Amino acid sequence: MLCLNAGTELESTNREIEMPNTVPVVHSDPDILGGTPVFVGTRVPFRNLIDYLERNHSLDEFLDSFPSVSREQAVASLEAAHEAVSTLAHSA
């Protein structure tokens, strides 16, 4: 399982682990859409959010189209993705 946690970087694990002050917002499970990273509790791929933003749609438009994703999940996923990319960029 692959989890993107709010406030942390990308974490790869084969089990659910509760981490202090973190809540998984995106995860990958082979039984859900073939392992495509989705928002926890939904079948909405994280990639859909990126695609919406790339096409100059607002976060509100994304949330209107995918009501099973909360604003908090969307914002936390973007913040976690930013942290993960920043960490990779600094280590290069």
Protein backbone atom coordinates (compact mmCIF):
# COMPACT_ATOMS: atom_id res chain seq x y z
CA MET A 1 0.00 0.00 0.00
CA LEU A 2 1.21 3.49 -0.79
CA CYS A 3 -0.01 6.34 1.42
CA LEU A 4 0.36 10.07 1.06
CA ASN A 5 -0.05 11.51 4.54
CA ALA A 6 -0.99 15.04 5.44
CA GLY A 7 2.07 16.78 6.83
CA THR A 8 4.53 14.06 5.78
CA GLU A 9 6.22 12.74 2.71
CA LEU A 10 5.33 9.73 0.63
CA GLU A 11 5.26 6.56 2.70
CA SER A 12 5.32 3.04 1.32
CA THR A 13 3.92 0.29 3.50
CA ASN A 14 2.14 -3.03 3.28
CA ARG A 15 -0.08 -2.34 6.28
CA GLU A 16 -1.99 0.45 7.93
CA ILE A 17 0.11 2.25 10.51
CA GLU A 18 -1.23 5.06 12.63
CA MET A 19 1.31 7.83 12.78
CA PRO A 20 1.01 10.70 15.26
CA ASN A 21 -0.48 13.87 13.78
CA THR A 22 -0.90 12.38 10.32
CA VAL A 23 -3.95 11.23 8.46
CA PRO A 24 -3.63 9.33 5.19
CA VAL A 25 -5.34 11.32 2.42
CA VAL A 26 -4.26 9.35 -0.65
CA HIS A 27 -3.52 5.66 -0.84
CA SER A 28 -2.91 2.92 -3.35
CA ASP A 29 -4.51 -0.50 -3.00
CA PRO A 30 -4.32 -3.20 -5.70
CA ASP A 31 -8.02 -3.93 -5.08
CA ILE A 32 -9.07 -0.34 -5.85
CA LEU A 33 -8.72 0.75 -9.49
CA GLY A 34 -5.77 -1.60 -9.95
CA GLY A 35 -3.59 0.26 -7.47
CA THR A 36 -4.13 3.77 -8.85
CA PRO A 37 -3.56 6.30 -6.04
CA VAL A 38 -7.00 7.46 -4.83
CA PHE A 39 -8.31 9.70 -2.09
CA VAL A 40 -8.90 7.62 1.05
CA GLY A 41 -12.51 6.51 1.34
CA THR A 42 -13.23 7.15 -2.34
CA ARG A 43 -12.52 5.75 -5.78
CA VAL A 44 -11.40 9.19 -7.01
CA PRO A 45 -7.85 9.14 -8.39
CA PHE A 46 -5.47 11.79 -7.05
CA ARG A 47 -4.49 12.34 -10.70
CA ASN A 48 -7.97 13.77 -11.35
CA LEU A 49 -7.18 16.68 -9.03
CA ILE A 50 -3.90 17.34 -10.81
CA ASP A 51 -5.64 17.15 -14.20
CA TYR A 52 -8.29 19.66 -13.11
CA LEU A 53 -5.69 22.11 -11.87
CA GLU A 54 -3.54 21.67 -15.00
CA ARG A 55 -6.57 22.63 -17.11
CA ASN A 56 -7.07 25.83 -15.08
CA HIS A 57 -10.13 24.57 -13.23
CA SER A 58 -10.50 25.73 -9.65
CA LEU A 59 -10.38 23.54 -6.58
CA ASP A 60 -14.07 24.29 -6.09
CA GLU A 61 -14.85 22.93 -9.57
CA PHE A 62 -12.98 19.73 -8.73
CA LEU A 63 -14.83 19.38 -5.43
CA ASP A 64 -18.18 19.99 -7.14
CA SER A 65 -17.38 17.24 -9.64
CA PHE A 66 -16.14 14.82 -6.96
CA PRO A 67 -18.24 15.43 -3.83
CA SER A 68 -16.82 12.35 -2.07
CA VAL A 69 -13.49 14.19 -1.75
CA SER A 70 -13.41 16.78 1.04
CA ARG A 71 -11.70 20.15 0.73
CA GLU A 72 -9.43 19.10 3.59
CA GLN A 73 -8.37 15.95 1.71
CA ALA A 74 -7.66 17.89 -1.49
CA VAL A 75 -5.64 20.60 0.25
CA ALA A 76 -3.75 18.10 2.42
CA SER A 77 -2.91 15.99 -0.63
CA LEU A 78 -1.48 18.98 -2.48
CA GLU A 79 0.52 20.02 0.58
CA ALA A 80 1.86 16.49 1.01
CA ALA A 81 2.73 16.27 -2.69
CA HIS A 82 4.55 19.60 -2.41
CA GLU A 83 6.54 18.33 0.57
CA ALA A 84 7.43 15.11 -1.26
CA VAL A 85 8.57 16.95 -4.38
CA SER A 86 10.51 19.51 -2.32
CA THR A 87 12.28 16.75 -0.43
CA LEU A 88 13.23 15.00 -3.68
CA ALA A 89 14.43 18.27 -5.21
CA HIS A 90 16.65 19.06 -2.22
CA SER A 91 18.21 15.61 -2.18
CA ALA A 92 19.17 15.74 -5.87
